[in-house]
C-alpha atoms as a PDB file:
ATOM      1  CA  UNK A   1     -26.543  13.560 -17.557  1.00  0.00           C
ATOM      2  CA  UNK A   2     -25.664  15.294 -14.361  1.00  0.00           C
ATOM      3  CA  UNK A   3     -24.447  19.321 -14.650  1.00  0.00           C
ATOM      4  CA  UNK A   4     -21.480  18.371 -12.467  1.00  0.00           C
ATOM      5  CA  UNK A   5     -20.487  15.116 -15.006  1.00  0.00           C
ATOM      6  CA  UNK A   6     -20.522  17.652 -17.579  1.00  0.00           C
ATOM      7  CA  UNK A   7     -18.660  20.055 -16.545  1.00  0.00           C
ATOM      8  CA  UNK A   8     -16.027  17.680 -15.255  1.00  0.00           C
ATOM      9  CA  UNK A   9     -15.965  16.040 -18.659  1.00  0.00           C
ATOM     10  CA  UNK A  10     -15.860  19.784 -20.413  1.00  0.00           C
ATOM     11  CA  UNK A  11     -12.323  20.105 -18.856  1.00  0.00           C
ATOM     12  CA  UNK A  12     -11.013  17.360 -18.640  1.00  0.00           C
ATOM     13  CA  UNK A  13      -8.790  17.423 -21.420  1.00  0.00           C
ATOM     14  CA  UNK A  14      -7.093  20.584 -20.119  1.00  0.00           C
ATOM     15  CA  UNK A  15      -6.698  19.898 -16.509  1.00  0.00           C
ATOM     16  CA  UNK A  16      -4.729  16.986 -16.059  1.00  0.00           C
ATOM     17  CA  UNK A  17      -1.734  15.585 -13.431  1.00  0.00           C
ATOM     18  CA  UNK A  18      -2.581  16.667  -9.886  1.00  0.00           C
ATOM     19  CA  UNK A  19      -0.653  17.833  -6.834  1.00  0.00           C
ATOM     20  CA  UNK A  20      -2.471  16.512  -3.225  1.00  0.00           C
ATOM     21  CA  UNK A  21      -2.596  18.758   0.071  1.00  0.00           C
ATOM     22  CA  UNK A  22      -2.929  16.504   2.824  1.00  0.00           C
ATOM     23  CA  UNK A  23      -3.192  18.128   6.557  1.00  0.00           C
ATOM     24  CA  UNK A  24      -0.894  16.930   9.431  1.00  0.00           C
ATOM     25  CA  UNK A  25      -1.299  14.425  12.288  1.00  0.00           C
ATOM     26  CA  UNK A  26      -1.063  15.544  16.120  1.00  0.00           C
ATOM     27  CA  UNK A  27      -0.027  12.119  16.681  1.00  0.00           C
ATOM     28  CA  UNK A  28       3.801  10.543  15.940  1.00  0.00           C
ATOM     29  CA  UNK A  29       4.892   7.299  15.948  1.00  0.00           C
ATOM     30  CA  UNK A  30       8.646   7.662  17.555  1.00  0.00           C
ATOM     31  CA  UNK A  31       9.572   4.214  16.878  1.00  0.00           C
ATOM     32  CA  UNK A  32       8.443   3.717  13.137  1.00  0.00           C
ATOM     33  CA  UNK A  33      10.824   2.073  10.516  1.00  0.00           C
ATOM     34  CA  UNK A  34      11.131   3.532   7.056  1.00  0.00           C
ATOM     35  CA  UNK A  35      13.760   3.569   3.830  1.00  0.00           C
ATOM     36  CA  UNK A  36      16.841   5.613   4.793  1.00  0.00           C
ATOM     37  CA  UNK A  37      17.646   5.604   1.177  1.00  0.00           C
ATOM     38  CA  UNK A  38      14.850   7.766   0.158  1.00  0.00           C
ATOM     39  CA  UNK A  39      14.852  10.747   2.922  1.00  0.00           C
ATOM     40  CA  UNK A  40      14.662  14.447   2.263  1.00  0.00           C
ATOM     41  CA  UNK A  41      15.527  17.690   4.046  1.00  0.00           C
ATOM     42  CA  UNK A  42      12.416  20.364   4.625  1.00  0.00           C
ATOM     43  CA  UNK A  43      12.159  23.092   2.819  1.00  0.00           C
ATOM     44  CA  UNK A  44      11.895  25.623   5.038  1.00  0.00           C
ATOM     45  CA  UNK A  45      14.272  25.539   7.422  1.00  0.00           C
ATOM     46  CA  UNK A  46      15.050  29.369   8.191  1.00  0.00           C
ATOM     47  CA  UNK A  47      11.161  29.929   8.461  1.00  0.00           C
ATOM     48  CA  UNK A  48      10.762  26.554  10.976  1.00  0.00           C
ATOM     49  CA  UNK A  49      14.122  28.054  13.396  1.00  0.00           C
ATOM     50  CA  UNK A  50      12.343  31.107  13.344  1.00  0.00           C
ATOM     51  CA  UNK A  51       8.709  29.846  14.773  1.00  0.00           C
ATOM     52  CA  UNK A  52      10.670  27.245  16.922  1.00  0.00           C
ATOM     53  CA  UNK A  53      12.175  30.251  18.881  1.00  0.00           C
ATOM     54  CA  UNK A  54       9.342  31.462  19.256  1.00  0.00           C
ATOM     55  CA  UNK A  55       7.421  28.577  20.755  1.00  0.00           C
ATOM     56  CA  UNK A  56      10.735  27.816  22.750  1.00  0.00           C
ATOM     57  CA  UNK A  57      10.209  30.953  24.556  1.00  0.00           C
ATOM     58  CA  UNK A  58       6.828  29.842  25.909  1.00  0.00           C
ATOM     59  CA  UNK A  59       6.827  29.016  29.657  1.00  0.00           C
ATOM     60  CA  UNK A  60       5.402  25.525  30.629  1.00  0.00           C
ATOM     61  CA  UNK A  61       2.313  27.432  31.661  1.00  0.00           C
ATOM     62  CA  UNK A  62       1.828  29.511  28.001  1.00  0.00           C
ATOM     63  CA  UNK A  63       2.598  26.221  26.377  1.00  0.00           C
ATOM     64  CA  UNK A  64      -0.337  24.667  27.970  1.00  0.00           C
ATOM     65  CA  UNK A  65      -2.515  27.395  27.714  1.00  0.00           C
ATOM     66  CA  UNK A  66      -2.041  28.704  23.943  1.00  0.00           C
ATOM     67  CA  UNK A  67      -2.541  24.779  23.088  1.00  0.00           C
ATOM     68  CA  UNK A  68      -4.727  23.565  25.428  1.00  0.00           C
ATOM     69  CA  UNK A  69      -2.637  20.799  26.507  1.00  0.00           C
ATOM     70  CA  UNK A  70      -2.837  18.792  29.256  1.00  0.00           C
ATOM     71  CA  UNK A  71      -0.304  18.524  32.533  1.00  0.00           C
ATOM     72  CA  UNK A  72       1.493  15.490  30.582  1.00  0.00           C
ATOM     73  CA  UNK A  73       1.130  17.018  27.363  1.00  0.00           C
ATOM     74  CA  UNK A  74       3.242  19.864  28.475  1.00  0.00           C
ATOM     75  CA  UNK A  75       5.784  18.163  29.474  1.00  0.00           C
ATOM     76  CA  UNK A  76       6.081  15.952  26.559  1.00  0.00           C
ATOM     77  CA  UNK A  77       5.768  19.147  23.990  1.00  0.00           C
ATOM     78  CA  UNK A  78       8.113  21.282  26.357  1.00  0.00           C
ATOM     79  CA  UNK A  79      10.666  18.177  26.202  1.00  0.00           C
ATOM     80  CA  UNK A  80      10.517  17.645  22.051  1.00  0.00           C
ATOM     81  CA  UNK A  81      10.953  21.401  21.380  1.00  0.00           C
ATOM     82  CA  UNK A  82      13.918  22.042  24.104  1.00  0.00           C
ATOM     83  CA  UNK A  83      15.562  18.904  21.791  1.00  0.00           C
ATOM     84  CA  UNK A  84      13.804  20.952  18.250  1.00  0.00           C
ATOM     85  CA  UNK A  85      16.817  21.296  15.635  1.00  0.00           C
ATOM     86  CA  UNK A  86      17.233  21.550  12.029  1.00  0.00           C
ATOM     87  CA  UNK A  87      20.247  19.889   9.890  1.00  0.00           C
ATOM     88  CA  UNK A  88      22.200  20.499   7.068  1.00  0.00           C
ATOM     89  CA  UNK A  89      22.238  16.841   5.969  1.00  0.00           C
ATOM     90  CA  UNK A  90      20.219  14.153   6.029  1.00  0.00           C
ATOM     91  CA  UNK A  91      23.013  11.694   7.680  1.00  0.00           C
ATOM     92  CA  UNK A  92      23.055  13.739  10.639  1.00  0.00           C
ATOM     93  CA  UNK A  93      18.779  14.522  10.993  1.00  0.00           C
ATOM     94  CA  UNK A  94      18.315  10.612  10.845  1.00  0.00           C
ATOM     95  CA  UNK A  95      21.562  10.295  13.814  1.00  0.00           C
ATOM     96  CA  UNK A  96      19.335  12.708  16.058  1.00  0.00           C
ATOM     97  CA  UNK A  97      16.690  10.899  15.376  1.00  0.00           C
ATOM     98  CA  UNK A  98      14.581  12.972  13.017  1.00  0.00           C
ATOM     99  CA  UNK A  99      11.991  10.747  11.187  1.00  0.00           C
ATOM    100  CA  UNK A 100      10.173  10.965   7.723  1.00  0.00           C
ATOM    101  CA  UNK A 101       7.123  12.751   8.166  1.00  0.00           C
ATOM    102  CA  UNK A 102       4.388  10.384   6.342  1.00  0.00           C
ATOM    103  CA  UNK A 103       6.021   7.508   8.474  1.00  0.00           C
ATOM    104  CA  UNK A 104       5.867   9.597  11.794  1.00  0.00           C
ATOM    105  CA  UNK A 105       2.309  10.685  11.698  1.00  0.00           C
ATOM    106  CA  UNK A 106      -0.125   8.335  12.645  1.00  0.00           C
ATOM    107  CA  UNK A 107      -3.594  10.374  12.877  1.00  0.00           C
ATOM    108  CA  UNK A 108      -6.956   8.457  11.380  1.00  0.00           C
ATOM    109  CA  UNK A 109      -5.923   9.686   7.912  1.00  0.00           C
ATOM    110  CA  UNK A 110      -2.668   7.819   7.771  1.00  0.00           C
ATOM    111  CA  UNK A 111      -3.837   4.689   9.054  1.00  0.00           C
ATOM    112  CA  UNK A 112      -6.160   4.754   5.971  1.00  0.00           C
ATOM    113  CA  UNK A 113      -2.684   6.520   3.350  1.00  0.00           C
ATOM    114  CA  UNK A 114      -0.933   3.226   5.135  1.00  0.00           C
ATOM    115  CA  UNK A 115       2.604   4.567   3.429  1.00  0.00           C
ATOM    116  CA  UNK A 116       4.535   2.061   5.064  1.00  0.00           C
ATOM    117  CA  UNK A 117       2.563  -0.464   2.759  1.00  0.00           C
ATOM    118  CA  UNK A 118       3.124   1.628  -0.563  1.00  0.00           C
ATOM    119  CA  UNK A 119       5.688  -0.644  -2.760  1.00  0.00           C
ATOM    120  CA  UNK A 120       8.535   1.613  -4.432  1.00  0.00           C
ATOM    121  CA  UNK A 121       7.012   2.987  -7.285  1.00  0.00           C
ATOM    122  CA  UNK A 122       3.981   4.540  -5.208  1.00  0.00           C
ATOM    123  CA  UNK A 123       6.388   5.471  -2.970  1.00  0.00           C
ATOM    124  CA  UNK A 124       7.591   7.530  -5.781  1.00  0.00           C
ATOM    125  CA  UNK A 125       5.033   8.944  -6.727  1.00  0.00           C
ATOM    126  CA  UNK A 126       3.780   9.646  -3.154  1.00  0.00           C
ATOM    127  CA  UNK A 127       6.864  11.624  -2.506  1.00  0.00           C
ATOM    128  CA  UNK A 128       6.664  13.969  -6.002  1.00  0.00           C
ATOM    129  CA  UNK A 129       2.869  14.038  -5.786  1.00  0.00           C
ATOM    130  CA  UNK A 130       1.554  14.605  -1.894  1.00  0.00           C
ATOM    131  CA  UNK A 131       2.415  17.487   0.400  1.00  0.00           C
ATOM    132  CA  UNK A 132       1.640  17.755   3.920  1.00  0.00           C
ATOM    133  CA  UNK A 133       0.799  21.133   5.350  1.00  0.00           C
ATOM    134  CA  UNK A 134       2.352  21.691   8.655  1.00  0.00           C
ATOM    135  CA  UNK A 135       2.020  24.713  11.370  1.00  0.00           C
ATOM    136  CA  UNK A 136       5.938  25.043  11.857  1.00  0.00           C
ATOM    137  CA  UNK A 137       7.281  23.209   8.927  1.00  0.00           C
ATOM    138  CA  UNK A 138       5.082  24.766   5.938  1.00  0.00           C
ATOM    139  CA  UNK A 139       5.403  22.387   3.069  1.00  0.00           C
ATOM    140  CA  UNK A 140       6.814  18.708   3.433  1.00  0.00           C
ATOM    141  CA  UNK A 141       6.912  15.952   1.300  1.00  0.00           C
ATOM    142  CA  UNK A 142       6.251  12.414   2.728  1.00  0.00           C
ATOM    143  CA  UNK A 143       9.760  11.262   3.456  1.00  0.00           C
ATOM    144  CA  UNK A 144      10.853  14.979   4.586  1.00  0.00           C
ATOM    145  CA  UNK A 145      12.743  14.702   8.183  1.00  0.00           C
ATOM    146  CA  UNK A 146      10.958  16.741  11.180  1.00  0.00           C
ATOM    147  CA  UNK A 147      11.664  16.316  14.922  1.00  0.00           C
ATOM    148  CA  UNK A 148       8.376  15.621  17.228  1.00  0.00           C
ATOM    149  CA  UNK A 149       6.362  19.447  17.628  1.00  0.00           C
ATOM    150  CA  UNK A 150       3.485  20.670  18.232  1.00  0.00           C
ATOM    151  CA  UNK A 151       2.176  23.647  16.126  1.00  0.00           C
ATOM    152  CA  UNK A 152      -1.264  24.079  14.452  1.00  0.00           C
ATOM    153  CA  UNK A 153      -1.968  26.066  11.637  1.00  0.00           C
ATOM    154  CA  UNK A 154      -4.953  28.040  13.518  1.00  0.00           C
ATOM    155  CA  UNK A 155      -2.095  28.710  16.437  1.00  0.00           C
ATOM    156  CA  UNK A 156      -2.271  32.452  17.444  1.00  0.00           C
ATOM    157  CA  UNK A 157       1.660  33.208  18.689  1.00  0.00           C
ATOM    158  CA  UNK A 158       3.488  36.344  18.730  1.00  0.00           C
ATOM    159  CA  UNK A 159       4.463  36.784  15.185  1.00  0.00           C
ATOM    160  CA  UNK A 160       6.389  39.676  13.190  1.00  0.00           C
ATOM    161  CA  UNK A 161       4.067  42.788  13.132  1.00  0.00           C
ATOM    162  CA  UNK A 162       3.380  41.921   9.769  1.00  0.00           C
ATOM    163  CA  UNK A 163       1.601  38.929  10.577  1.00  0.00           C
ATOM    164  CA  UNK A 164      -1.557  38.816  12.116  1.00  0.00           C
ATOM    165  CA  UNK A 165      -1.862  34.765  11.892  1.00  0.00           C
ATOM    166  CA  UNK A 166      -0.060  31.897  11.619  1.00  0.00           C
ATOM    167  CA  UNK A 167      -1.791  31.744   8.448  1.00  0.00           C
ATOM    168  CA  UNK A 168      -1.439  34.524   7.289  1.00  0.00           C
ATOM    169  CA  UNK A 169       2.483  34.038   7.798  1.00  0.00           C
ATOM    170  CA  UNK A 170       2.643  30.728   5.801  1.00  0.00           C
ATOM    171  CA  UNK A 171       0.474  32.168   3.516  1.00  0.00           C
ATOM    172  CA  UNK A 172       2.838  34.920   2.113  1.00  0.00           C
ATOM    173  CA  UNK A 173       5.142  32.127   1.395  1.00  0.00           C
ATOM    174  CA  UNK A 174       3.480  29.342  -0.344  1.00  0.00           C
ATOM    175  CA  UNK A 175       2.965  30.841  -3.691  1.00  0.00           C
ATOM    176  CA  UNK A 176       6.428  30.359  -5.138  1.00  0.00           C
ATOM    177  CA  UNK A 177       7.195  26.792  -3.679  1.00  0.00           C
ATOM    178  CA  UNK A 178       3.789  25.156  -5.116  1.00  0.00           C
ATOM    179  CA  UNK A 179       4.094  26.758  -8.275  1.00  0.00           C
ATOM    180  CA  UNK A 180       7.515  25.174  -8.310  1.00  0.00           C
ATOM    181  CA  UNK A 181       5.989  21.659  -7.245  1.00  0.00           C
ATOM    182  CA  UNK A 182       3.416  21.794 -10.150  1.00  0.00           C
ATOM    183  CA  UNK A 183       5.806  22.557 -12.482  1.00  0.00           C
ATOM    184  CA  UNK A 184       7.928  19.956 -11.571  1.00  0.00           C
ATOM    185  CA  UNK A 185       5.737  17.111 -11.950  1.00  0.00           C
ATOM    186  CA  UNK A 186       3.905  19.003 -14.823  1.00  0.00           C
ATOM    187  CA  UNK A 187       0.497  19.598 -13.089  1.00  0.00           C
ATOM    188  CA  UNK A 188      -2.527  22.119 -12.797  1.00  0.00           C
ATOM    189  CA  UNK A 189      -4.515  20.870 -10.935  1.00  0.00           C
ATOM    190  CA  UNK A 190      -4.407  21.136  -6.744  1.00  0.00           C
ATOM    191  CA  UNK A 191      -6.463  17.816  -4.967  1.00  0.00           C
ATOM    192  CA  UNK A 192      -7.209  19.408  -1.514  1.00  0.00           C
ATOM    193  CA  UNK A 193      -7.626  16.487   1.017  1.00  0.00           C
ATOM    194  CA  UNK A 194      -6.673  18.833   3.794  1.00  0.00           C
ATOM    195  CA  UNK A 195      -8.729  19.960   6.260  1.00  0.00           C
ATOM    196  CA  UNK A 196     -10.285  23.809   5.795  1.00  0.00           C
ATOM    197  CA  UNK A 197      -7.626  24.879   8.463  1.00  0.00           C
ATOM    198  CA  UNK A 198      -4.872  24.012   6.405  1.00  0.00           C
ATOM    199  CA  UNK A 199      -6.400  23.986   2.897  1.00  0.00           C
ATOM    200  CA  UNK A 200      -7.190  27.926   3.124  1.00  0.00           C
ATOM    201  CA  UNK A 201      -3.507  28.481   3.367  1.00  0.00           C
ATOM    202  CA  UNK A 202      -2.733  27.385   0.041  1.00  0.00           C
ATOM    203  CA  UNK A 203      -5.898  29.544  -1.052  1.00  0.00           C
ATOM    204  CA  UNK A 204      -5.109  32.775   0.482  1.00  0.00           C
ATOM    205  CA  UNK A 205      -0.888  32.256  -1.430  1.00  0.00           C
ATOM    206  CA  UNK A 206      -3.293  32.618  -4.773  1.00  0.00           C
ATOM    207  CA  UNK A 207      -1.736  29.879  -6.436  1.00  0.00           C
ATOM    208  CA  UNK A 208      -2.567  30.158 -10.249  1.00  0.00           C
ATOM    209  CA  UNK A 209      -4.018  26.780 -10.397  1.00  0.00           C
ATOM    210  CA  UNK A 210      -7.904  25.098 -10.332  1.00  0.00           C
ATOM    211  CA  UNK A 211      -8.269  23.511  -6.812  1.00  0.00           C
ATOM    212  CA  UNK A 212     -10.461  20.787  -6.648  1.00  0.00           C
ATOM    213  CA  UNK A 213     -11.890  19.913  -2.980  1.00  0.00           C
ATOM    214  CA  UNK A 214     -13.135  16.486  -1.573  1.00  0.00           C
ATOM    215  CA  UNK A 215     -15.269  16.121   1.538  1.00  0.00           C
ATOM    216  CA  UNK A 216     -16.774  12.699   2.713  1.00  0.00           C
ATOM    217  CA  UNK A 217     -19.980  12.914   4.307  1.00  0.00           C
ATOM    218  CA  UNK A 218     -22.953  10.339   5.818  1.00  0.00           C
ATOM    219  CA  UNK A 219     -25.897   9.434   4.869  1.00  0.00           C
ATOM    220  CA  UNK A 220     -28.126   9.232   8.092  1.00  0.00           C
ATOM    221  CA  UNK A 221     -31.917   9.686   9.178  1.00  0.00           C
ATOM    222  CA  UNK A 222     -30.709  12.968  10.236  1.00  0.00           C
ATOM    223  CA  UNK A 223     -29.472  14.071   6.810  1.00  0.00           C
ATOM    224  CA  UNK A 224     -26.206  14.172   5.490  1.00  0.00           C
ATOM    225  CA  UNK A 225     -23.532  15.391   7.518  1.00  0.00           C
ATOM    226  CA  UNK A 226     -19.764  15.470   8.022  1.00  0.00           C
ATOM    227  CA  UNK A 227     -18.107  13.374  10.836  1.00  0.00           C
ATOM    228  CA  UNK A 228     -14.735  13.953  11.901  1.00  0.00           C
ATOM    229  CA  UNK A 229     -13.003  11.081  12.493  1.00  0.00           C
ATOM    230  CA  UNK A 230     -14.635   9.441   9.175  1.00  0.00           C
ATOM    231  CA  UNK A 231     -13.667  12.583   7.497  1.00  0.00           C
ATOM    232  CA  UNK A 232      -9.916  12.021   7.886  1.00  0.00           C
ATOM    233  CA  UNK A 233      -9.979   8.377   7.339  1.00  0.00           C
ATOM    234  CA  UNK A 234     -11.709   8.854   3.864  1.00  0.00           C
ATOM    235  CA  UNK A 235      -9.176  11.422   2.882  1.00  0.00           C
ATOM    236  CA  UNK A 236      -6.183   9.156   3.749  1.00  0.00           C
ATOM    237  CA  UNK A 237      -8.274   6.619   1.731  1.00  0.00           C
ATOM    238  CA  UNK A 238      -8.723   8.860  -0.976  1.00  0.00           C
ATOM    239  CA  UNK A 239      -4.845   9.446  -1.418  1.00  0.00           C
ATOM    240  CA  UNK A 240      -3.766   5.938  -1.514  1.00  0.00           C
ATOM    241  CA  UNK A 241      -6.475   5.520  -4.100  1.00  0.00           C
ATOM    242  CA  UNK A 242      -4.923   8.202  -6.328  1.00  0.00           C
ATOM    243  CA  UNK A 243      -1.351   7.232  -5.391  1.00  0.00           C
ATOM    244  CA  UNK A 244      -1.889   3.429  -6.154  1.00  0.00           C
ATOM    245  CA  UNK A 245      -3.994   4.059  -9.181  1.00  0.00           C
ATOM    246  CA  UNK A 246      -1.621   7.235 -10.203  1.00  0.00           C
ATOM    247  CA  UNK A 247      -4.822   9.052 -10.892  1.00  0.00           C
ATOM    248  CA  UNK A 248      -4.042  11.793 -13.444  1.00  0.00           C
ATOM    249  CA  UNK A 249      -7.614  13.054 -14.191  1.00  0.00           C
ATOM    250  CA  UNK A 250     -10.351  14.655 -11.903  1.00  0.00           C
ATOM    251  CA  UNK A 251     -12.862  12.603 -13.707  1.00  0.00           C
ATOM    252  CA  UNK A 252     -10.945   9.562 -12.909  1.00  0.00           C
ATOM    253  CA  UNK A 253     -11.719  10.227  -8.678  1.00  0.00           C
ATOM    254  CA  UNK A 254     -15.505   9.410  -9.534  1.00  0.00           C
ATOM    255  CA  UNK A 255     -14.522   6.049  -9.489  1.00  0.00           C
ATOM    256  CA  UNK A 256     -13.609   5.849  -5.682  1.00  0.00           C
ATOM    257  CA  UNK A 257     -15.648   3.648  -3.654  1.00  0.00           C
ATOM    258  CA  UNK A 258     -13.712   2.703  -1.054  1.00  0.00           C
ATOM    259  CA  UNK A 259     -15.055   2.232   2.992  1.00  0.00           C
ATOM    260  CA  UNK A 260     -18.303   2.296   0.953  1.00  0.00           C
ATOM    261  CA  UNK A 261     -18.050   6.129  -0.255  1.00  0.00           C
ATOM    262  CA  UNK A 262     -19.888   6.664  -3.394  1.00  0.00           C
ATOM    263  CA  UNK A 263     -19.480  10.046  -5.336  1.00  0.00           C
ATOM    264  CA  UNK A 264     -22.973  12.063  -4.744  1.00  0.00           C
ATOM    265  CA  UNK A 265     -23.226  13.415  -7.998  1.00  0.00           C
ATOM    266  CA  UNK A 266     -26.298  15.958  -6.555  1.00  0.00           C
ATOM    267  CA  UNK A 267     -24.579  17.475  -3.864  1.00  0.00           C
ATOM    268  CA  UNK A 268     -20.697  18.012  -6.420  1.00  0.00           C
ATOM    269  CA  UNK A 269     -20.063  20.823  -8.414  1.00  0.00           C
ATOM    270  CA  UNK A 270     -17.255  21.465 -10.657  1.00  0.00           C
ATOM    271  CA  UNK A 271     -14.558  22.134  -7.963  1.00  0.00           C
ATOM    272  CA  UNK A 272     -16.210  20.405  -4.850  1.00  0.00           C
ATOM    273  CA  UNK A 273     -16.634  16.801  -5.231  1.00  0.00           C
ATOM    274  CA  UNK A 274     -18.562  15.324  -2.472  1.00  0.00           C
ATOM    275  CA  UNK A 275     -18.748  11.544  -1.686  1.00  0.00           C
ATOM    276  CA  UNK A 276     -21.239   9.877   1.260  1.00  0.00           C
ATOM    277  CA  UNK A 277     -22.266   6.562   2.103  1.00  0.00           C
ATOM    278  CA  UNK A 278     -25.359   5.270   4.225  1.00  0.00           C
ATOM    279  CA  UNK A 279     -24.641   5.064   7.898  1.00  0.00           C
ATOM    280  CA  UNK A 280     -26.560   3.427  10.399  1.00  0.00           C
ATOM    281  CA  UNK A 281     -27.347   6.000  13.292  1.00  0.00           C
END
């Protein structure tokens, strides 16, 4: 038996139930329909307001240069930020066209996640077990209401002197709420399906839980490599798999075989499970 399997089986009795980390998407569907009964408000309203005040102080030229935006996107993003706001209740948020984040986001990972297709049981599991990391909002649950924005976790901006980067800013704030979330769902494993840019914020926050990362790679004639678009699709499909099957044990992740991927025992380690598939190139 491969050493990875032995180690995974050894720990299976101790480590059960998972909190899933997910990255946000840049693109949004501003006309998406969603079940209003489920919606919730984000946790870090005051922190988001502080960060947005910095963004709103940027001139259009500064915004474009800092975020590397086209002229068209400068106008769009600037308009978003001018209209941005936080809310005391969900009714006022919905009236101001705020949208639940996992429904509004439409990048490759979210197309695969396809939360709009979930039944009530799956939606409830997703709301409890999936958190989306955001440069502006910090931590989001799938039904947390957001307004359109543009702020990536790796962005540099004029933060308080105590923080060298946005990554460091959120790292200082994540430990307590993530530990509370783990306790709420009785979990002691973090399943990392986020990109490195976002997941390292949680790593830096020193949450006292085991983190298991899943990566997805292509087997090509030039060796095994990661292709960004395919990896995003696979991360969304893995999140969907865990939610639909209500996966609570790391060992069960090895059964994932969607989109042609299978666990690669030779490349995997205890805390980094790698899935590969054959790709014609």
